[in-house]
């Protein structure tokens, strides 16, 4: 519980600081924050889709290898780097998609 509280406190403080810097120093409009939150939700959803697909394809690869007689552990997919890569995939995809709507 303390661990969670610490993480929430730290991220809350950096979020408040980012809002203050964004509005005061960078001149970002406060009413644009809601639109930014919707964009974050879209990005999070895209990241979840990529993570699900990565896990599904990884599991299929593990089962295929096992079917061919090579033991591969499913635990290889339990790597903290896979969600990070999935988020990067989502960021790239959403930036690419935003180029289409900007034209």
N, C-alpha and C. Protein backbone atom coordinates (compact mmCIF):
# COMPACT_ATOMS: atom_id res chain seq x y z
N UNK A 1 0.81 -1.19 0.00
CA UNK A 1 0.00 0.00 0.00
C UNK A 1 0.86 1.26 0.00
N UNK A 2 1.92 1.26 0.79
CA UNK A 2 2.81 2.43 0.85
C UNK A 2 3.50 2.65 -0.48
N UNK A 3 3.85 1.55 -1.12
CA UNK A 3 4.50 1.63 -2.43
C UNK A 3 3.59 2.33 -3.44
N UNK A 4 2.33 1.93 -3.45
CA UNK A 4 1.35 2.53 -4.36
C UNK A 4 1.13 4.00 -4.04
N UNK A 5 1.05 4.31 -2.77
CA UNK A 5 0.86 5.70 -2.35
C UNK A 5 2.06 6.57 -2.76
N UNK A 6 3.25 6.03 -2.62
CA UNK A 6 4.44 6.76 -3.05
C UNK A 6 4.41 7.04 -4.54
N UNK A 7 4.09 6.02 -5.33
CA UNK A 7 4.05 6.19 -6.78
C UNK A 7 2.98 7.19 -7.20
N UNK A 8 1.81 7.12 -6.58
CA UNK A 8 0.74 8.07 -6.89
C UNK A 8 1.13 9.50 -6.49
N UNK A 9 1.80 9.65 -5.35
CA UNK A 9 2.25 10.97 -4.91
C UNK A 9 3.27 11.55 -5.87
N UNK A 10 4.24 10.75 -6.25
CA UNK A 10 5.30 11.22 -7.17
C UNK A 10 4.70 11.61 -8.52
N UNK A 11 3.86 10.76 -9.08
CA UNK A 11 3.28 11.08 -10.39
C UNK A 11 2.30 12.24 -10.29
N UNK A 12 1.61 12.37 -9.17
CA UNK A 12 0.72 13.52 -8.97
C UNK A 12 1.50 14.82 -8.92
N UNK A 13 2.62 14.82 -8.20
CA UNK A 13 3.44 16.03 -8.11
C UNK A 13 4.04 16.40 -9.47
N UNK A 14 4.53 15.42 -10.21
CA UNK A 14 5.10 15.76 -11.53
C UNK A 14 4.00 16.21 -12.50
N UNK A 15 2.79 15.67 -12.35
CA UNK A 15 1.69 16.11 -13.22
C UNK A 15 1.30 17.55 -12.92
N UNK A 16 1.21 17.89 -11.64
CA UNK A 16 0.89 19.27 -11.26
C UNK A 16 1.99 20.21 -11.74
N UNK A 17 3.24 19.80 -11.58
CA UNK A 17 4.36 20.61 -12.06
C UNK A 17 4.34 20.79 -13.57
N UNK A 18 4.02 19.72 -14.30
CA UNK A 18 3.94 19.82 -15.76
C UNK A 18 2.81 20.74 -16.19
N UNK A 19 1.69 20.69 -15.49
CA UNK A 19 0.57 21.59 -15.81
C UNK A 19 0.97 23.05 -15.57
N UNK A 20 1.63 23.30 -14.45
CA UNK A 20 2.05 24.66 -14.12
C UNK A 20 3.03 25.19 -15.16
N UNK A 21 4.02 24.38 -15.52
CA UNK A 21 5.00 24.80 -16.53
C UNK A 21 4.33 24.98 -17.88
N UNK A 22 3.46 24.05 -18.23
CA UNK A 22 2.79 24.12 -19.53
C UNK A 22 1.93 25.37 -19.67
N UNK A 23 1.21 25.72 -18.61
CA UNK A 23 0.30 26.87 -18.69
C UNK A 23 1.04 28.20 -18.50
N UNK A 24 2.01 28.24 -17.60
CA UNK A 24 2.67 29.51 -17.32
C UNK A 24 3.83 29.82 -18.25
N UNK A 25 4.67 28.85 -18.49
CA UNK A 25 5.88 29.11 -19.27
C UNK A 25 5.71 28.84 -20.76
N UNK A 26 4.93 27.81 -21.08
CA UNK A 26 4.77 27.45 -22.49
C UNK A 26 3.50 28.04 -23.10
N UNK A 27 2.64 28.59 -22.27
CA UNK A 27 1.42 29.23 -22.78
C UNK A 27 0.39 28.27 -23.31
N UNK A 28 0.39 27.04 -22.80
CA UNK A 28 -0.60 26.06 -23.25
C UNK A 28 -1.95 26.38 -22.64
N UNK A 29 -3.03 26.27 -23.42
CA UNK A 29 -4.35 26.60 -22.88
C UNK A 29 -4.83 25.52 -21.92
N UNK A 30 -5.43 25.94 -20.82
CA UNK A 30 -5.94 25.00 -19.83
C UNK A 30 -7.08 24.15 -20.33
N UNK A 31 -7.88 24.72 -21.26
CA UNK A 31 -9.02 23.95 -21.78
C UNK A 31 -8.58 22.85 -22.74
N UNK A 32 -7.33 22.83 -23.14
CA UNK A 32 -6.82 21.77 -24.01
C UNK A 32 -6.43 20.52 -23.24
N UNK A 33 -6.47 20.59 -21.92
CA UNK A 33 -6.08 19.45 -21.10
C UNK A 33 -7.05 18.28 -21.26
N UNK A 34 -8.32 18.58 -21.39
CA UNK A 34 -9.31 17.51 -21.60
C UNK A 34 -9.07 16.77 -22.90
N UNK A 35 -8.75 17.51 -23.95
CA UNK A 35 -8.45 16.89 -25.24
C UNK A 35 -7.17 16.03 -25.14
N UNK A 36 -6.20 16.52 -24.36
CA UNK A 36 -4.98 15.75 -24.15
C UNK A 36 -5.26 14.45 -23.40
N UNK A 37 -6.18 14.50 -22.43
CA UNK A 37 -6.55 13.28 -21.70
C UNK A 37 -7.24 12.28 -22.62
N UNK A 38 -8.08 12.77 -23.52
CA UNK A 38 -8.71 11.86 -24.49
C UNK A 38 -7.66 11.23 -25.41
N UNK A 39 -6.68 12.02 -25.80
CA UNK A 39 -5.59 11.49 -26.63
C UNK A 39 -4.79 10.43 -25.88
N UNK A 40 -4.58 10.65 -24.57
CA UNK A 40 -3.89 9.66 -23.76
C UNK A 40 -4.68 8.36 -23.67
N UNK A 41 -6.00 8.48 -23.54
CA UNK A 41 -6.84 7.28 -23.50
C UNK A 41 -6.77 6.52 -24.82
N UNK A 42 -6.77 7.26 -25.93
CA UNK A 42 -6.65 6.63 -27.24
C UNK A 42 -5.30 5.91 -27.36
N UNK A 43 -4.26 6.58 -26.90
CA UNK A 43 -2.92 5.99 -26.95
C UNK A 43 -2.82 4.76 -26.06
N UNK A 44 -3.41 4.83 -24.87
CA UNK A 44 -3.39 3.67 -23.96
C UNK A 44 -4.15 2.49 -24.57
N UNK A 45 -5.27 2.77 -25.19
CA UNK A 45 -6.03 1.70 -25.85
C UNK A 45 -5.24 1.06 -26.99
N UNK A 46 -4.57 1.89 -27.77
CA UNK A 46 -3.75 1.35 -28.86
C UNK A 46 -2.61 0.51 -28.30
N UNK A 47 -2.01 0.96 -27.19
CA UNK A 47 -0.93 0.20 -26.57
C UNK A 47 -1.43 -1.15 -26.06
N UNK A 48 -2.64 -1.18 -25.52
CA UNK A 48 -3.21 -2.45 -25.03
C UNK A 48 -3.46 -3.39 -26.20
N UNK A 49 -3.92 -2.86 -27.32
CA UNK A 49 -4.14 -3.70 -28.51
C UNK A 49 -2.81 -4.28 -28.97
N UNK A 50 -1.76 -3.44 -29.05
CA UNK A 50 -0.45 -3.94 -29.47
C UNK A 50 0.09 -4.98 -28.49
N UNK A 51 -0.06 -4.73 -27.18
CA UNK A 51 0.41 -5.69 -26.20
C UNK A 51 -0.33 -7.02 -26.34
N UNK A 52 -1.63 -6.97 -26.53
CA UNK A 52 -2.42 -8.20 -26.71
C UNK A 52 -1.97 -8.96 -27.95
N UNK A 53 -1.78 -8.24 -29.04
CA UNK A 53 -1.32 -8.90 -30.27
C UNK A 53 0.08 -9.48 -30.12
N UNK A 54 0.96 -8.73 -29.45
CA UNK A 54 2.32 -9.24 -29.24
C UNK A 54 2.31 -10.51 -28.40
N UNK A 55 1.47 -10.53 -27.35
CA UNK A 55 1.37 -11.73 -26.52
C UNK A 55 0.75 -12.89 -27.29
N UNK A 56 -0.27 -12.61 -28.08
CA UNK A 56 -0.92 -13.66 -28.86
C UNK A 56 0.03 -14.27 -29.88
N UNK A 57 0.75 -13.42 -30.61
CA UNK A 57 1.70 -13.92 -31.60
C UNK A 57 2.85 -14.65 -30.91
N UNK A 58 3.31 -14.11 -29.76
CA UNK A 58 4.38 -14.79 -29.02
C UNK A 58 3.95 -16.15 -28.52
N UNK A 59 2.73 -16.24 -28.01
CA UNK A 59 2.22 -17.52 -27.53
C UNK A 59 2.07 -18.51 -28.69
N UNK A 60 1.60 -18.03 -29.82
CA UNK A 60 1.49 -18.91 -30.99
C UNK A 60 2.86 -19.41 -31.41
N UNK A 61 3.86 -18.55 -31.35
CA UNK A 61 5.22 -18.97 -31.68
C UNK A 61 5.76 -20.01 -30.71
N UNK A 62 5.48 -19.83 -29.43
CA UNK A 62 5.91 -20.80 -28.42
C UNK A 62 5.23 -22.14 -28.65
N UNK A 63 3.93 -22.11 -28.90
CA UNK A 63 3.20 -23.37 -29.14
C UNK A 63 3.64 -24.05 -30.43
N UNK A 64 3.94 -23.26 -31.45
CA UNK A 64 4.45 -23.82 -32.70
C UNK A 64 5.80 -24.49 -32.48
N UNK A 65 6.67 -23.82 -31.74
CA UNK A 65 7.99 -24.41 -31.46
C UNK A 65 7.84 -25.70 -30.66
N UNK A 66 6.93 -25.69 -29.70
CA UNK A 66 6.70 -26.91 -28.91
C UNK A 66 6.15 -28.02 -29.78
N UNK A 67 5.29 -27.66 -30.73
CA UNK A 67 4.75 -28.66 -31.65
C UNK A 67 5.82 -29.26 -32.54
N UNK A 68 6.87 -28.51 -32.80
CA UNK A 68 7.99 -29.01 -33.61
C UNK A 68 9.02 -29.75 -32.77
N UNK A 69 8.74 -29.88 -31.46
CA UNK A 69 9.63 -30.65 -30.59
C UNK A 69 10.68 -29.82 -29.87
N UNK A 70 10.63 -28.52 -29.98
CA UNK A 70 11.59 -27.65 -29.29
C UNK A 70 10.88 -27.02 -28.10
N UNK A 71 11.43 -27.23 -26.90
CA UNK A 71 10.79 -26.64 -25.73
C UNK A 71 11.17 -25.17 -25.63
N UNK A 72 10.14 -24.33 -25.60
CA UNK A 72 10.31 -22.90 -25.38
C UNK A 72 9.35 -22.53 -24.26
N UNK A 73 9.86 -21.83 -23.27
CA UNK A 73 9.04 -21.47 -22.11
C UNK A 73 8.13 -20.29 -22.43
N UNK A 74 6.90 -20.39 -21.96
CA UNK A 74 5.95 -19.29 -22.10
C UNK A 74 6.41 -18.11 -21.26
N UNK A 75 7.19 -18.38 -20.23
CA UNK A 75 7.67 -17.32 -19.34
C UNK A 75 8.58 -16.32 -20.06
N UNK A 76 9.05 -16.66 -21.24
CA UNK A 76 9.83 -15.70 -22.02
C UNK A 76 8.98 -14.47 -22.38
N UNK A 77 7.68 -14.66 -22.46
CA UNK A 77 6.78 -13.55 -22.78
C UNK A 77 6.50 -12.67 -21.56
N UNK A 78 6.89 -13.13 -20.38
CA UNK A 78 6.67 -12.39 -19.14
C UNK A 78 7.87 -11.47 -18.87
N UNK A 79 8.11 -10.57 -19.79
CA UNK A 79 9.25 -9.66 -19.70
C UNK A 79 8.71 -8.24 -19.60
N UNK A 80 9.26 -7.46 -18.71
CA UNK A 80 8.79 -6.07 -18.52
C UNK A 80 9.06 -5.21 -19.74
N UNK A 81 9.93 -5.66 -20.61
CA UNK A 81 10.26 -4.88 -21.80
C UNK A 81 9.16 -4.96 -22.86
N UNK A 82 8.37 -6.01 -22.86
CA UNK A 82 7.32 -6.17 -23.86
C UNK A 82 6.25 -5.07 -23.77
N UNK A 83 5.75 -4.70 -22.59
CA UNK A 83 4.82 -3.56 -22.54
C UNK A 83 5.46 -2.24 -22.98
N UNK A 84 6.73 -2.05 -22.68
CA UNK A 84 7.43 -0.83 -23.11
C UNK A 84 7.48 -0.78 -24.64
N UNK A 85 7.84 -1.90 -25.25
CA UNK A 85 7.87 -1.96 -26.71
C UNK A 85 6.48 -1.75 -27.30
N UNK A 86 5.47 -2.28 -26.64
CA UNK A 86 4.09 -2.11 -27.12
C UNK A 86 3.66 -0.65 -27.06
N UNK A 87 4.07 0.05 -26.00
CA UNK A 87 3.77 1.48 -25.90
C UNK A 87 4.49 2.24 -27.01
N UNK A 88 5.74 1.90 -27.28
CA UNK A 88 6.46 2.55 -28.38
C UNK A 88 5.78 2.29 -29.72
N UNK A 89 5.31 1.07 -29.94
CA UNK A 89 4.57 0.77 -31.15
C UNK A 89 3.33 1.64 -31.25
N UNK A 90 2.62 1.81 -30.13
CA UNK A 90 1.40 2.61 -30.12
C UNK A 90 1.71 4.08 -30.41
N UNK A 91 2.78 4.61 -29.83
CA UNK A 91 3.15 6.01 -30.07
C UNK A 91 3.46 6.23 -31.54
N UNK A 92 4.24 5.33 -32.12
CA UNK A 92 4.58 5.45 -33.54
C UNK A 92 3.32 5.36 -34.39
N UNK A 93 2.45 4.40 -34.10
CA UNK A 93 1.23 4.22 -34.88
C UNK A 93 0.33 5.44 -34.77
N UNK A 94 0.15 5.98 -33.54
CA UNK A 94 -0.71 7.14 -33.36
C UNK A 94 -0.13 8.39 -34.02
N UNK A 95 1.19 8.55 -33.98
CA UNK A 95 1.82 9.68 -34.69
C UNK A 95 1.62 9.54 -36.19
N UNK A 96 1.73 8.34 -36.68
CA UNK A 96 1.53 8.08 -38.11
C UNK A 96 0.08 8.37 -38.49
N UNK A 97 -0.84 7.93 -37.64
CA UNK A 97 -2.26 8.16 -37.90
C UNK A 97 -2.61 9.65 -37.82
N UNK A 98 -1.95 10.38 -36.93
CA UNK A 98 -2.21 11.82 -36.81
C UNK A 98 -1.76 12.59 -38.06
N UNK A 99 -0.76 12.06 -38.75
CA UNK A 99 -0.30 12.70 -39.99
C UNK A 99 -1.40 12.66 -41.04
N UNK A 100 -2.17 11.58 -41.04
CA UNK A 100 -3.26 11.44 -42.02
C UNK A 100 -4.33 12.49 -41.77
N UNK A 101 -4.67 12.72 -40.50
CA UNK A 101 -5.73 13.68 -40.19
C UNK A 101 -5.25 15.12 -40.30
N UNK A 102 -3.94 15.33 -40.25
CA UNK A 102 -3.39 16.69 -40.34
C UNK A 102 -3.36 17.19 -41.79
N UNK A 103 -3.44 16.29 -42.72
CA UNK A 103 -3.35 16.70 -44.14
C UNK A 103 -4.64 17.21 -44.66
